[in-house]
Amino acid sequence: QPEFLQVQAVHEVAQLLDKLEPWLREVEPHEALSVYIGQENPIGKSSGCSMIISRFSSPYSDNSYIGVLGPTRQSYRQVMHLVEYTGKTLEQAAWES
């Protein structure tokens, strides 16, 4: 995306990724699917990114997540469906193994 051609934008996204795991441990989003758009993004308000996170259960961890970090300009319906579907698929595969 053109938003990520600027060095500063890439730097802010990298900082956001550094904060992601500690934030997930602290907040533990309990919704099956959480969407944070632009300024709503609690760990990167100035990054211009959106985060779509799905929580799923796993025998390996009480707090398992999968998500997409992307620009605010994206097809939310498609990405939300993909993240939710992938979370359910991972959950099913984890319990079947």
PDB file of N, CA and C in Angstrom:
ATOM      1  N   GLN A   1       0.833  -1.183   0.000  1.00  0.00           N
ATOM      2  CA  GLN A   1       0.000   0.000   0.000  1.00  0.00           C
ATOM      3  C   GLN A   1       0.877   1.246   0.000  1.00  0.00           C
ATOM      4  N   PRO A   2       0.416   2.296  -0.609  1.00  0.00           N
ATOM      5  CA  PRO A   2       1.214   3.532  -0.650  1.00  0.00           C
ATOM      6  C   PRO A   2       1.523   4.099   0.737  1.00  0.00           C
ATOM      7  N   GLU A   3       0.663   3.814   1.716  1.00  0.00           N
ATOM      8  CA  GLU A   3       0.898   4.321   3.069  1.00  0.00           C
ATOM      9  C   GLU A   3       2.217   3.812   3.652  1.00  0.00           C
ATOM     10  N   PHE A   4       2.646   2.640   3.201  1.00  0.00           N
ATOM     11  CA  PHE A   4       3.834   2.025   3.783  1.00  0.00           C
ATOM     12  C   PHE A   4       5.100   2.271   2.965  1.00  0.00           C
ATOM     13  N   LEU A   5       5.044   3.172   1.994  1.00  0.00           N
ATOM     14  CA  LEU A   5       6.237   3.513   1.234  1.00  0.00           C
ATOM     15  C   LEU A   5       7.112   4.516   1.978  1.00  0.00           C
ATOM     16  N   GLN A   6       6.559   5.179   2.964  1.00  0.00           N
ATOM     17  CA  GLN A   6       7.320   6.149   3.747  1.00  0.00           C
ATOM     18  C   GLN A   6       8.049   5.436   4.874  1.00  0.00           C
ATOM     19  N   VAL A   7       9.317   5.783   5.061  1.00  0.00           N
ATOM     20  CA  VAL A   7      10.144   5.140   6.076  1.00  0.00           C
ATOM     21  C   VAL A   7       9.548   5.301   7.468  1.00  0.00           C
ATOM     22  N   GLN A   8       9.037   6.475   7.789  1.00  0.00           N
ATOM     23  CA  GLN A   8       8.457   6.719   9.113  1.00  0.00           C
ATOM     24  C   GLN A   8       7.261   5.803   9.367  1.00  0.00           C
ATOM     25  N   ALA A   9       6.454   5.588   8.352  1.00  0.00           N
ATOM     26  CA  ALA A   9       5.283   4.712   8.507  1.00  0.00           C
ATOM     27  C   ALA A   9       5.725   3.279   8.788  1.00  0.00           C
ATOM     28  N   VAL A  10       6.742   2.815   8.103  1.00  0.00           N
ATOM     29  CA  VAL A  10       7.258   1.465   8.324  1.00  0.00           C
ATOM     30  C   VAL A  10       7.828   1.351   9.735  1.00  0.00           C
ATOM     31  N   HIS A  11       8.521   2.376  10.178  1.00  0.00           N
ATOM     32  CA  HIS A  11       9.083   2.400  11.527  1.00  0.00           C
ATOM     33  C   HIS A  11       7.967   2.298  12.576  1.00  0.00           C
ATOM     34  N   GLU A  12       6.878   3.031  12.390  1.00  0.00           N
ATOM     35  CA  GLU A  12       5.766   2.994  13.342  1.00  0.00           C
ATOM     36  C   GLU A  12       5.090   1.631  13.363  1.00  0.00           C
ATOM     37  N   VAL A  13       4.999   0.986  12.210  1.00  0.00           N
ATOM     38  CA  VAL A  13       4.418  -0.357  12.152  1.00  0.00           C
ATOM     39  C   VAL A  13       5.323  -1.341  12.891  1.00  0.00           C
ATOM     40  N   ALA A  14       6.627  -1.210  12.719  1.00  0.00           N
ATOM     41  CA  ALA A  14       7.569  -2.086  13.427  1.00  0.00           C
ATOM     42  C   ALA A  14       7.448  -1.893  14.938  1.00  0.00           C
ATOM     43  N   GLN A  15       7.292  -0.661  15.390  1.00  0.00           N
ATOM     44  CA  GLN A  15       7.106  -0.402  16.815  1.00  0.00           C
ATOM     45  C   GLN A  15       5.799  -1.022  17.310  1.00  0.00           C
ATOM     46  N   LEU A  16       4.771  -0.943  16.502  1.00  0.00           N
ATOM     47  CA  LEU A  16       3.490  -1.530  16.858  1.00  0.00           C
ATOM     48  C   LEU A  16       3.640  -3.042  17.034  1.00  0.00           C
ATOM     49  N   LEU A  17       4.349  -3.686  16.135  1.00  0.00           N
ATOM     50  CA  LEU A  17       4.549  -5.130  16.239  1.00  0.00           C
ATOM     51  C   LEU A  17       5.321  -5.500  17.503  1.00  0.00           C
ATOM     52  N   ASP A  18       6.276  -4.644  17.899  1.00  0.00           N
ATOM     53  CA  ASP A  18       7.025  -4.883  19.138  1.00  0.00           C
ATOM     54  C   ASP A  18       6.113  -4.834  20.357  1.00  0.00           C
ATOM     55  N   LYS A  19       5.067  -4.032  20.309  1.00  0.00           N
ATOM     56  CA  LYS A  19       4.153  -3.860  21.440  1.00  0.00           C
ATOM     57  C   LYS A  19       3.008  -4.879  21.437  1.00  0.00           C
ATOM     58  N   LEU A  20       2.842  -5.599  20.360  1.00  0.00           N
ATOM     59  CA  LEU A  20       1.666  -6.451  20.196  1.00  0.00           C
ATOM     60  C   LEU A  20       1.576  -7.568  21.238  1.00  0.00           C
ATOM     61  N   GLU A  21       2.605  -8.350  21.401  1.00  0.00           N
ATOM     62  CA  GLU A  21       2.532  -9.477  22.335  1.00  0.00           C
ATOM     63  C   GLU A  21       2.316  -9.023  23.776  1.00  0.00           C
ATOM     64  N   PRO A  22       3.077  -8.033  24.274  1.00  0.00           N
ATOM     65  CA  PRO A  22       2.792  -7.578  25.643  1.00  0.00           C
ATOM     66  C   PRO A  22       1.363  -7.052  25.812  1.00  0.00           C
ATOM     67  N   TRP A  23       0.861  -6.360  24.796  1.00  0.00           N
ATOM     68  CA  TRP A  23      -0.502  -5.842  24.861  1.00  0.00           C
ATOM     69  C   TRP A  23      -1.510  -6.986  24.923  1.00  0.00           C
ATOM     70  N   LEU A  24      -1.325  -8.019  24.094  1.00  0.00           N
ATOM     71  CA  LEU A  24      -2.240  -9.158  24.105  1.00  0.00           C
ATOM     72  C   LEU A  24      -2.228  -9.855  25.461  1.00  0.00           C
ATOM     73  N   ARG A  25      -1.060  -9.967  26.070  1.00  0.00           N
ATOM     74  CA  ARG A  25      -0.972 -10.599  27.398  1.00  0.00           C
ATOM     75  C   ARG A  25      -1.681  -9.770  28.459  1.00  0.00           C
ATOM     76  N   GLU A  26      -1.573  -8.454  28.336  1.00  0.00           N
ATOM     77  CA  GLU A  26      -2.175  -7.566  29.332  1.00  0.00           C
ATOM     78  C   GLU A  26      -3.687  -7.467  29.178  1.00  0.00           C
ATOM     79  N   VAL A  27      -4.142  -7.267  27.957  1.00  0.00           N
ATOM     80  CA  VAL A  27      -5.553  -6.991  27.713  1.00  0.00           C
ATOM     81  C   VAL A  27      -6.369  -8.264  27.504  1.00  0.00           C
ATOM     82  N   GLU A  28      -5.795  -9.250  26.864  1.00  0.00           N
ATOM     83  CA  GLU A  28      -6.490 -10.491  26.544  1.00  0.00           C
ATOM     84  C   GLU A  28      -7.873 -10.236  25.963  1.00  0.00           C
ATOM     85  N   PRO A  29      -7.949  -9.739  24.735  1.00  0.00           N
ATOM     86  CA  PRO A  29      -9.272  -9.501  24.141  1.00  0.00           C
ATOM     87  C   PRO A  29     -10.132 -10.769  24.206  1.00  0.00           C
ATOM     88  N   HIS A  30     -11.326 -10.640  24.756  1.00  0.00           N
ATOM     89  CA  HIS A  30     -12.192 -11.800  24.958  1.00  0.00           C
ATOM     90  C   HIS A  30     -13.215 -11.987  23.847  1.00  0.00           C
ATOM     91  N   GLU A  31     -13.297 -11.043  22.949  1.00  0.00           N
ATOM     92  CA  GLU A  31     -14.237 -11.166  21.832  1.00  0.00           C
ATOM     93  C   GLU A  31     -13.713 -12.215  20.845  1.00  0.00           C
ATOM     94  N   ALA A  32     -14.627 -12.886  20.183  1.00  0.00           N
ATOM     95  CA  ALA A  32     -14.209 -13.848  19.162  1.00  0.00           C
ATOM     96  C   ALA A  32     -13.483 -13.143  18.024  1.00  0.00           C
ATOM     97  N   LEU A  33     -13.882 -11.900  17.742  1.00  0.00           N
ATOM     98  CA  LEU A  33     -13.255 -11.112  16.694  1.00  0.00           C
ATOM     99  C   LEU A  33     -13.240  -9.651  17.150  1.00  0.00           C
ATOM    100  N   SER A  34     -12.059  -9.060  17.182  1.00  0.00           N
ATOM    101  CA  SER A  34     -11.911  -7.661  17.581  1.00  0.00           C
ATOM    102  C   SER A  34     -11.331  -6.868  16.416  1.00  0.00           C
ATOM    103  N   VAL A  35     -11.886  -5.682  16.189  1.00  0.00           N
ATOM    104  CA  VAL A  35     -11.442  -4.830  15.094  1.00  0.00           C
ATOM    105  C   VAL A  35     -11.075  -3.460  15.656  1.00  0.00           C
ATOM    106  N   TYR A  36      -9.861  -3.019  15.373  1.00  0.00           N
ATOM    107  CA  TYR A  36      -9.370  -1.713  15.812  1.00  0.00           C
ATOM    108  C   TYR A  36      -8.936  -0.947  14.571  1.00  0.00           C
ATOM    109  N   ILE A  37      -9.619   0.141  14.271  1.00  0.00           N
ATOM    110  CA  ILE A  37      -9.377   0.887  13.038  1.00  0.00           C
ATOM    111  C   ILE A  37      -8.663   2.196  13.343  1.00  0.00           C
ATOM    112  N   GLY A  38      -7.499   2.393  12.712  1.00  0.00           N
ATOM    113  CA  GLY A  38      -6.759   3.653  12.812  1.00  0.00           C
ATOM    114  C   GLY A  38      -6.529   4.110  14.233  1.00  0.00           C
ATOM    115  N   GLN A  39      -7.126   5.238  14.610  1.00  0.00           N
ATOM    116  CA  GLN A  39      -6.943   5.825  15.932  1.00  0.00           C
ATOM    117  C   GLN A  39      -7.492   4.944  17.057  1.00  0.00           C
ATOM    118  N   GLU A  40      -8.364   3.996  16.735  1.00  0.00           N
ATOM    119  CA  GLU A  40      -8.905   3.075  17.740  1.00  0.00           C
ATOM    120  C   GLU A  40      -7.879   2.018  18.136  1.00  0.00           C
ATOM    121  N   ASN A  41      -6.829   1.884  17.327  1.00  0.00           N
ATOM    122  CA  ASN A  41      -5.814   0.881  17.572  1.00  0.00           C
ATOM    123  C   ASN A  41      -5.083   1.231  18.869  1.00  0.00           C
ATOM    124  N   PRO A  42      -5.259   0.441  19.923  1.00  0.00           N
ATOM    125  CA  PRO A  42      -4.741   0.818  21.236  1.00  0.00           C
ATOM    126  C   PRO A  42      -3.223   0.794  21.367  1.00  0.00           C
ATOM    127  N   ILE A  43      -2.528   0.149  20.466  1.00  0.00           N
ATOM    128  CA  ILE A  43      -1.077   0.083  20.593  1.00  0.00           C
ATOM    129  C   ILE A  43      -0.345   0.831  19.497  1.00  0.00           C
ATOM    130  N   GLY A  44      -1.054   1.498  18.637  1.00  0.00           N
ATOM    131  CA  GLY A  44      -0.406   2.227  17.562  1.00  0.00           C
ATOM    132  C   GLY A  44      -1.302   3.281  16.969  1.00  0.00           C
ATOM    133  N   LYS A  45      -1.797   4.175  17.801  1.00  0.00           N
ATOM    134  CA  LYS A  45      -2.760   5.184  17.362  1.00  0.00           C
ATOM    135  C   LYS A  45      -2.250   6.020  16.193  1.00  0.00           C
ATOM    136  N   SER A  46      -0.958   6.289  16.151  1.00  0.00           N
ATOM    137  CA  SER A  46      -0.415   7.141  15.088  1.00  0.00           C
ATOM    138  C   SER A  46       0.138   6.342  13.920  1.00  0.00           C
ATOM    139  N   SER A  47       0.011   5.026  13.954  1.00  0.00           N
ATOM    140  CA  SER A  47       0.615   4.202  12.903  1.00  0.00           C
ATOM    141  C   SER A  47      -0.192   4.196  11.614  1.00  0.00           C
ATOM    142  N   GLY A  48      -1.464   4.592  11.666  1.00  0.00           N
ATOM    143  CA  GLY A  48      -2.300   4.539  10.473  1.00  0.00           C
ATOM    144  C   GLY A  48      -2.683   3.122  10.098  1.00  0.00           C
ATOM    145  N   CYS A  49      -2.613   2.220  11.062  1.00  0.00           N
ATOM    146  CA  CYS A  49      -2.909   0.811  10.809  1.00  0.00           C
ATOM    147  C   CYS A  49      -4.193   0.391  11.495  1.00  0.00           C
ATOM    148  N   SER A  50      -4.751  -0.656  10.961  1.00  0.00           N
ATOM    149  CA  SER A  50      -5.887  -1.300  11.590  1.00  0.00           C
ATOM    150  C   SER A  50      -5.465  -2.710  11.968  1.00  0.00           C
ATOM    151  N   MET A  51      -6.082  -3.222  13.017  1.00  0.00           N
ATOM    152  CA  MET A  51      -5.791  -4.555  13.507  1.00  0.00           C
ATOM    153  C   MET A  51      -7.092  -5.323  13.610  1.00  0.00           C
ATOM    154  N   ILE A  52      -7.095  -6.526  13.067  1.00  0.00           N
ATOM    155  CA  ILE A  52      -8.245  -7.413  13.165  1.00  0.00           C
ATOM    156  C   ILE A  52      -7.732  -8.694  13.812  1.00  0.00           C
ATOM    157  N   ILE A  53      -8.253  -9.013  15.002  1.00  0.00           N
ATOM    158  CA  ILE A  53      -7.734 -10.118  15.800  1.00  0.00           C
ATOM    159  C   ILE A  53      -8.855 -11.082  16.149  1.00  0.00           C
ATOM    160  N   SER A  54      -8.576 -12.365  15.992  1.00  0.00           N
ATOM    161  CA  SER A  54      -9.519 -13.406  16.389  1.00  0.00           C
ATOM    162  C   SER A  54      -8.884 -14.236  17.500  1.00  0.00           C
ATOM    163  N   ARG A  55      -9.639 -14.459  18.540  1.00  0.00           N
ATOM    164  CA  ARG A  55      -9.184 -15.316  19.631  1.00  0.00           C
ATOM    165  C   ARG A  55      -9.713 -16.714  19.370  1.00  0.00           C
ATOM    166  N   PHE A  56      -8.893 -17.723  19.661  1.00  0.00           N
ATOM    167  CA  PHE A  56      -9.354 -19.097  19.522  1.00  0.00           C
ATOM    168  C   PHE A  56      -8.760 -19.938  20.644  1.00  0.00           C
ATOM    169  N   SER A  57      -9.421 -21.035  20.950  1.00  0.00           N
ATOM    170  CA  SER A  57      -8.922 -21.901  22.015  1.00  0.00           C
ATOM    171  C   SER A  57      -7.985 -22.944  21.426  1.00  0.00           C
ATOM    172  N   SER A  58      -7.046 -23.352  22.272  1.00  0.00           N
ATOM    173  CA  SER A  58      -6.034 -24.289  21.845  1.00  0.00           C
ATOM    174  C   SER A  58      -5.562 -25.080  23.057  1.00  0.00           C
ATOM    175  N   PRO A  59      -5.224 -26.340  22.879  1.00  0.00           N
ATOM    176  CA  PRO A  59      -4.692 -27.095  24.017  1.00  0.00           C
ATOM    177  C   PRO A  59      -3.292 -26.626  24.416  1.00  0.00           C
ATOM    178  N   TYR A  60      -2.678 -25.794  23.602  1.00  0.00           N
ATOM    179  CA  TYR A  60      -1.317 -25.333  23.852  1.00  0.00           C
ATOM    180  C   TYR A  60      -1.267 -24.018  24.611  1.00  0.00           C
ATOM    181  N   SER A  61      -2.360 -23.264  24.586  1.00  0.00           N
ATOM    182  CA  SER A  61      -2.365 -21.955  25.230  1.00  0.00           C
ATOM    183  C   SER A  61      -3.800 -21.544  25.530  1.00  0.00           C
ATOM    184  N   ASP A  62      -3.969 -20.863  26.660  1.00  0.00           N
ATOM    185  CA  ASP A  62      -5.288 -20.331  26.997  1.00  0.00           C
ATOM    186  C   ASP A  62      -5.606 -19.080  26.189  1.00  0.00           C
ATOM    187  N   ASN A  63      -4.571 -18.458  25.668  1.00  0.00           N
ATOM    188  CA  ASN A  63      -4.747 -17.203  24.924  1.00  0.00           C
ATOM    189  C   ASN A  63      -4.080 -17.308  23.562  1.00  0.00           C
ATOM    190  N   SER A  64      -4.797 -17.846  22.607  1.00  0.00           N
ATOM    191  CA  SER A  64      -4.277 -17.973  21.250  1.00  0.00           C
ATOM    192  C   SER A  64      -4.991 -16.974  20.349  1.00  0.00           C
ATOM    193  N   TYR A  65      -4.226 -16.308  19.514  1.00  0.00           N
ATOM    194  CA  TYR A  65      -4.777 -15.281  18.631  1.00  0.00           C
ATOM    195  C   TYR A  65      -4.190 -15.407  17.240  1.00  0.00           C
ATOM    196  N   ILE A  66      -4.965 -14.982  16.286  1.00  0.00           N
ATOM    197  CA  ILE A  66      -4.480 -14.795  14.923  1.00  0.00           C
ATOM    198  C   ILE A  66      -5.056 -13.470  14.457  1.00  0.00           C
ATOM    199  N   GLY A  67      -4.305 -12.755  13.651  1.00  0.00           N
ATOM    200  CA  GLY A  67      -4.804 -11.465  13.221  1.00  0.00           C
ATOM    201  C   GLY A  67      -4.100 -10.931  12.002  1.00  0.00           C
ATOM    202  N   VAL A  68      -4.615  -9.807  11.556  1.00  0.00           N
ATOM    203  CA  VAL A  68      -4.060  -9.100  10.406  1.00  0.00           C
ATOM    204  C   VAL A  68      -3.822  -7.659  10.817  1.00  0.00           C
ATOM    205  N   LEU A  69      -2.648  -7.180  10.507  1.00  0.00           N
ATOM    206  CA  LEU A  69      -2.295  -5.789  10.699  1.00  0.00           C
ATOM    207  C   LEU A  69      -2.170  -5.195   9.306  1.00  0.00           C
ATOM    208  N   GLY A  70      -2.944  -4.167   9.034  1.00  0.00           N
ATOM    209  CA  GLY A  70      -2.932  -3.610   7.685  1.00  0.00           C
ATOM    210  C   GLY A  70      -3.305  -2.148   7.672  1.00  0.00           C
ATOM    211  N   PRO A  71      -3.366  -1.583   6.493  1.00  0.00           N
ATOM    212  CA  PRO A  71      -3.717  -0.163   6.372  1.00  0.00           C
ATOM    213  C   PRO A  71      -5.181   0.059   6.728  1.00  0.00           C
ATOM    214  N   THR A  72      -5.512   1.279   7.057  1.00  0.00           N
ATOM    215  CA  THR A  72      -6.907   1.571   7.382  1.00  0.00           C
ATOM    216  C   THR A  72      -7.793   1.435   6.149  1.00  0.00           C
ATOM    217  N   ARG A  73      -7.201   1.554   4.992  1.00  0.00           N
ATOM    218  CA  ARG A  73      -7.948   1.423   3.734  1.00  0.00           C
ATOM    219  C   ARG A  73      -7.811  -0.022   3.251  1.00  0.00           C
ATOM    220  N   GLN A  74      -8.800  -0.834   3.601  1.00  0.00           N
ATOM    221  CA  GLN A  74      -8.791  -2.236   3.212  1.00  0.00           C
ATOM    222  C   GLN A  74     -10.225  -2.749   3.150  1.00  0.00           C
ATOM    223  N   SER A  75     -10.388  -3.945   2.668  1.00  0.00           N
ATOM    224  CA  SER A  75     -11.707  -4.571   2.601  1.00  0.00           C
ATOM    225  C   SER A  75     -11.967  -5.275   3.929  1.00  0.00           C
ATOM    226  N   TYR A  76     -12.559  -4.549   4.870  1.00  0.00           N
ATOM    227  CA  TYR A  76     -12.760  -5.081   6.218  1.00  0.00           C
ATOM    228  C   TYR A  76     -13.620  -6.341   6.220  1.00  0.00           C
ATOM    229  N   ARG A  77     -14.662  -6.350   5.447  1.00  0.00           N
ATOM    230  CA  ARG A  77     -15.549  -7.522   5.426  1.00  0.00           C
ATOM    231  C   ARG A  77     -14.769  -8.778   5.038  1.00  0.00           C
ATOM    232  N   GLN A  78     -13.952  -8.686   3.993  1.00  0.00           N
ATOM    233  CA  GLN A  78     -13.175  -9.845   3.551  1.00  0.00           C
ATOM    234  C   GLN A  78     -12.127 -10.244   4.584  1.00  0.00           C
ATOM    235  N   VAL A  79     -11.412  -9.273   5.123  1.00  0.00           N
ATOM    236  CA  VAL A  79     -10.349  -9.577   6.087  1.00  0.00           C
ATOM    237  C   VAL A  79     -10.948 -10.134   7.372  1.00  0.00           C
ATOM    238  N   MET A  80     -12.037  -9.572   7.834  1.00  0.00           N
ATOM    239  CA  MET A  80     -12.686 -10.078   9.045  1.00  0.00           C
ATOM    240  C   MET A  80     -13.124 -11.531   8.845  1.00  0.00           C
ATOM    241  N   HIS A  81     -13.703 -11.819   7.693  1.00  0.00           N
ATOM    242  CA  HIS A  81     -14.129 -13.186   7.396  1.00  0.00           C
ATOM    243  C   HIS A  81     -12.913 -14.115   7.367  1.00  0.00           C
ATOM    244  N   LEU A  82     -11.844 -13.698   6.726  1.00  0.00           N
ATOM    245  CA  LEU A  82     -10.640 -14.515   6.624  1.00  0.00           C
ATOM    246  C   LEU A  82     -10.030 -14.787   7.998  1.00  0.00           C
ATOM    247  N   VAL A  83      -9.928 -13.766   8.832  1.00  0.00           N
ATOM    248  CA  VAL A  83      -9.348 -13.930  10.171  1.00  0.00           C
ATOM    249  C   VAL A  83     -10.221 -14.839  11.030  1.00  0.00           C
ATOM    250  N   GLU A  84     -11.521 -14.613  10.995  1.00  0.00           N
ATOM    251  CA  GLU A  84     -12.437 -15.446  11.777  1.00  0.00           C
ATOM    252  C   GLU A  84     -12.381 -16.900  11.321  1.00  0.00           C
ATOM    253  N   TYR A  85     -12.412 -17.111  10.012  1.00  0.00           N
ATOM    254  CA  TYR A  85     -12.356 -18.457   9.450  1.00  0.00           C
ATOM    255  C   TYR A  85     -11.041 -19.150   9.819  1.00  0.00           C
ATOM    256  N   THR A  86      -9.943 -18.428   9.714  1.00  0.00           N
ATOM    257  CA  THR A  86      -8.638 -19.006  10.032  1.00  0.00           C
ATOM    258  C   THR A  86      -8.548 -19.359  11.509  1.00  0.00           C
ATOM    259  N   GLY A  87      -9.072 -18.496  12.377  1.00  0.00           N
ATOM    260  CA  GLY A  87      -9.089 -18.798  13.806  1.00  0.00           C
ATOM    261  C   GLY A  87      -9.873 -20.055  14.114  1.00  0.00           C
ATOM    262  N   LYS A  88     -11.037 -20.203  13.508  1.00  0.00           N
ATOM    263  CA  LYS A  88     -11.863 -21.398  13.721  1.00  0.00           C
ATOM    264  C   LYS A  88     -11.166 -22.645  13.187  1.00  0.00           C
ATOM    265  N   THR A  89     -10.512 -22.513  12.041  1.00  0.00           N
ATOM    266  CA  THR A  89      -9.791 -23.643  11.449  1.00  0.00           C
ATOM    267  C   THR A  89      -8.618 -24.059  12.330  1.00  0.00           C
ATOM    268  N   LEU A  90      -7.873 -23.088  12.854  1.00  0.00           N
ATOM    269  CA  LEU A  90      -6.763 -23.401  13.751  1.00  0.00           C
ATOM    270  C   LEU A  90      -7.263 -24.055  15.038  1.00  0.00           C
ATOM    271  N   GLU A  91      -8.357 -23.559  15.544  1.00  0.00           N
ATOM    272  CA  GLU A  91      -8.934 -24.147  16.770  1.00  0.00           C
ATOM    273  C   GLU A  91      -9.320 -25.592  16.534  1.00  0.00           C
ATOM    274  N   GLN A  92      -9.996 -25.830  15.440  1.00  0.00           N
ATOM    275  CA  GLN A  92     -10.428 -27.179  15.121  1.00  0.00           C
ATOM    276  C   GLN A  92      -9.218 -28.102  14.920  1.00  0.00           C
ATOM    277  N   ALA A  93      -8.218 -27.658  14.200  1.00  0.00           N
ATOM    278  CA  ALA A  93      -7.033 -28.470  13.948  1.00  0.00           C
ATOM    279  C   ALA A  93      -6.250 -28.739  15.234  1.00  0.00           C
ATOM    280  N   ALA A  94      -6.185 -27.745  16.124  1.00  0.00           N
ATOM    281  CA  ALA A  94      -5.437 -27.906  17.366  1.00  0.00           C
ATOM    282  C   ALA A  94      -6.071 -28.971  18.259  1.00  0.00           C
ATOM    283  N   TRP A  95      -7.397 -29.001  18.315  1.00  0.00           N
ATOM    284  CA  TRP A  95      -8.067 -29.959  19.192  1.00  0.00           C
ATOM    285  C   TRP A  95      -8.150 -31.345  18.575  1.00  0.00           C
ATOM    286  N   GLU A  96      -8.020 -31.424  17.256  1.00  0.00           N
ATOM    287  CA  GLU A  96      -8.079 -32.729  16.591  1.00  0.00           C
ATOM    288  C   GLU A  96      -6.732 -33.452  16.616  1.00  0.00           C
ATOM    289  N   SER A  97      -5.661 -32.710  16.818  1.00  0.00           N
ATOM    290  CA  SER A  97      -4.338 -33.352  16.769  1.00  0.00           C
ATOM    291  C   SER A  97      -3.969 -34.016  18.072  1.00  0.00           C
TER     292      SER A  97
END
